C-alpha atoms as a PDB file:
ATOM      1  CA  UNK A   1     -33.661  -9.917 -14.413  1.00  0.00           C
ATOM      2  CA  UNK A   2     -33.347  -6.180 -13.991  1.00  0.00           C
ATOM      3  CA  UNK A   3     -30.681  -4.087 -15.619  1.00  0.00           C
ATOM      4  CA  UNK A   4     -29.559  -2.852 -12.199  1.00  0.00           C
ATOM      5  CA  UNK A   5     -28.965  -6.439 -11.096  1.00  0.00           C
ATOM      6  CA  UNK A   6     -27.032  -7.160 -14.299  1.00  0.00           C
ATOM      7  CA  UNK A   7     -24.928  -4.031 -13.796  1.00  0.00           C
ATOM      8  CA  UNK A   8     -24.170  -5.086 -10.218  1.00  0.00           C
ATOM      9  CA  UNK A   9     -23.140  -8.556 -11.397  1.00  0.00           C
ATOM     10  CA  UNK A  10     -20.932  -7.005 -14.063  1.00  0.00           C
ATOM     11  CA  UNK A  11     -19.222  -4.859 -11.414  1.00  0.00           C
ATOM     12  CA  UNK A  12     -18.790  -7.840  -9.105  1.00  0.00           C
ATOM     13  CA  UNK A  13     -17.386  -9.965 -11.933  1.00  0.00           C
ATOM     14  CA  UNK A  14     -14.946  -7.243 -12.961  1.00  0.00           C
ATOM     15  CA  UNK A  15     -13.642  -6.861  -9.423  1.00  0.00           C
ATOM     16  CA  UNK A  16     -13.387 -10.569  -8.628  1.00  0.00           C
ATOM     17  CA  UNK A  17     -10.712 -10.886 -11.314  1.00  0.00           C
ATOM     18  CA  UNK A  18      -8.460  -8.634  -9.248  1.00  0.00           C
ATOM     19  CA  UNK A  19      -9.594  -8.652  -5.619  1.00  0.00           C
ATOM     20  CA  UNK A  20     -10.201 -11.138  -2.828  1.00  0.00           C
ATOM     21  CA  UNK A  21     -13.718 -11.596  -1.477  1.00  0.00           C
ATOM     22  CA  UNK A  22     -12.818  -9.478   1.563  1.00  0.00           C
ATOM     23  CA  UNK A  23     -11.515  -6.684  -0.653  1.00  0.00           C
ATOM     24  CA  UNK A  24     -14.666  -6.839  -2.789  1.00  0.00           C
ATOM     25  CA  UNK A  25     -16.825  -6.571   0.348  1.00  0.00           C
ATOM     26  CA  UNK A  26     -14.946  -3.361   1.165  1.00  0.00           C
ATOM     27  CA  UNK A  27     -14.827  -1.916  -2.359  1.00  0.00           C
ATOM     28  CA  UNK A  28     -18.234  -2.615  -3.881  1.00  0.00           C
ATOM     29  CA  UNK A  29     -20.345  -0.635  -1.369  1.00  0.00           C
ATOM     30  CA  UNK A  30     -17.931   2.306  -1.577  1.00  0.00           C
ATOM     31  CA  UNK A  31     -17.926   2.366  -5.354  1.00  0.00           C
ATOM     32  CA  UNK A  32     -21.711   2.084  -5.480  1.00  0.00           C
ATOM     33  CA  UNK A  33     -22.066   4.872  -2.928  1.00  0.00           C
ATOM     34  CA  UNK A  34     -19.675   7.193  -4.742  1.00  0.00           C
ATOM     35  CA  UNK A  35     -20.912   6.464  -8.258  1.00  0.00           C
ATOM     36  CA  UNK A  36     -24.618   6.215  -7.496  1.00  0.00           C
ATOM     37  CA  UNK A  37     -25.155   2.881  -9.229  1.00  0.00           C
ATOM     38  CA  UNK A  38     -23.300  -0.110 -10.626  1.00  0.00           C
ATOM     39  CA  UNK A  39     -23.334   1.121 -14.223  1.00  0.00           C
ATOM     40  CA  UNK A  40     -21.593   4.364 -13.245  1.00  0.00           C
ATOM     41  CA  UNK A  41     -19.168   2.471 -10.982  1.00  0.00           C
ATOM     42  CA  UNK A  42     -18.217   0.248 -13.925  1.00  0.00           C
ATOM     43  CA  UNK A  43     -17.691   3.298 -16.107  1.00  0.00           C
ATOM     44  CA  UNK A  44     -15.421   4.798 -13.438  1.00  0.00           C
ATOM     45  CA  UNK A  45     -13.462   1.544 -13.057  1.00  0.00           C
ATOM     46  CA  UNK A  46     -12.956   1.144 -16.796  1.00  0.00           C
ATOM     47  CA  UNK A  47     -12.608   4.705 -18.091  1.00  0.00           C
ATOM     48  CA  UNK A  48     -11.967   7.395 -15.456  1.00  0.00           C
ATOM     49  CA  UNK A  49      -8.329   8.414 -15.367  1.00  0.00           C
ATOM     50  CA  UNK A  50      -7.083   8.926 -11.817  1.00  0.00           C
ATOM     51  CA  UNK A  51      -4.516  11.737 -11.581  1.00  0.00           C
ATOM     52  CA  UNK A  52      -3.179  10.473  -8.249  1.00  0.00           C
ATOM     53  CA  UNK A  53      -2.354   7.155  -9.944  1.00  0.00           C
ATOM     54  CA  UNK A  54      -0.472   8.598 -12.884  1.00  0.00           C
ATOM     55  CA  UNK A  55      -3.551   9.136 -15.016  1.00  0.00           C
ATOM     56  CA  UNK A  56      -4.305   5.433 -15.177  1.00  0.00           C
ATOM     57  CA  UNK A  57      -7.783   3.993 -14.888  1.00  0.00           C
ATOM     58  CA  UNK A  58      -8.599   1.755 -11.932  1.00  0.00           C
ATOM     59  CA  UNK A  59      -8.761  -1.201 -14.313  1.00  0.00           C
ATOM     60  CA  UNK A  60      -5.318  -0.464 -15.735  1.00  0.00           C
ATOM     61  CA  UNK A  61      -3.875  -0.115 -12.241  1.00  0.00           C
ATOM     62  CA  UNK A  62      -5.255  -3.577 -11.453  1.00  0.00           C
ATOM     63  CA  UNK A  63      -4.123  -5.097 -14.746  1.00  0.00           C
ATOM     64  CA  UNK A  64      -0.612  -3.913 -13.892  1.00  0.00           C
ATOM     65  CA  UNK A  65      -0.770  -5.813 -10.600  1.00  0.00           C
ATOM     66  CA  UNK A  66      -1.190  -2.760  -8.379  1.00  0.00           C
ATOM     67  CA  UNK A  67      -4.468  -3.636  -6.678  1.00  0.00           C
ATOM     68  CA  UNK A  68      -3.045  -2.700  -3.273  1.00  0.00           C
ATOM     69  CA  UNK A  69      -2.247   0.781  -4.590  1.00  0.00           C
ATOM     70  CA  UNK A  70      -5.822   1.196  -5.815  1.00  0.00           C
ATOM     71  CA  UNK A  71      -7.219   0.039  -2.475  1.00  0.00           C
ATOM     72  CA  UNK A  72      -4.914   2.496  -0.699  1.00  0.00           C
ATOM     73  CA  UNK A  73      -6.133   5.302  -2.982  1.00  0.00           C
ATOM     74  CA  UNK A  74      -9.794   4.400  -2.416  1.00  0.00           C
ATOM     75  CA  UNK A  75      -9.275   4.081   1.340  1.00  0.00           C
ATOM     76  CA  UNK A  76      -7.583   7.479   1.464  1.00  0.00           C
ATOM     77  CA  UNK A  77     -10.418   9.066  -0.522  1.00  0.00           C
ATOM     78  CA  UNK A  78     -12.939   7.392   1.781  1.00  0.00           C
ATOM     79  CA  UNK A  79     -11.217   9.004   4.762  1.00  0.00           C
ATOM     80  CA  UNK A  80     -11.500  12.413   3.123  1.00  0.00           C
ATOM     81  CA  UNK A  81      -8.225  12.520   1.248  1.00  0.00           C
ATOM     82  CA  UNK A  82      -7.951  14.261  -2.094  1.00  0.00           C
ATOM     83  CA  UNK A  83      -9.474  12.150  -4.841  1.00  0.00           C
END
């Protein structure tokens, strides 16, 4: 299996811990589009601090039970809001 496929599966597995299938269907294409590939999307999810979310990473936001806040942030950025 290709590395790209493995990276995609890793991203999908990381998100399924926190998001419903419907939310994943919304989030995964956006993250892939923004990041360029699944490996970079995973890096963003795990390591990129988001100033608008108190400097937390997306993963930390989710681990703290604030998935809806992350979706709201991503939706706002998708609509052209400040990211």
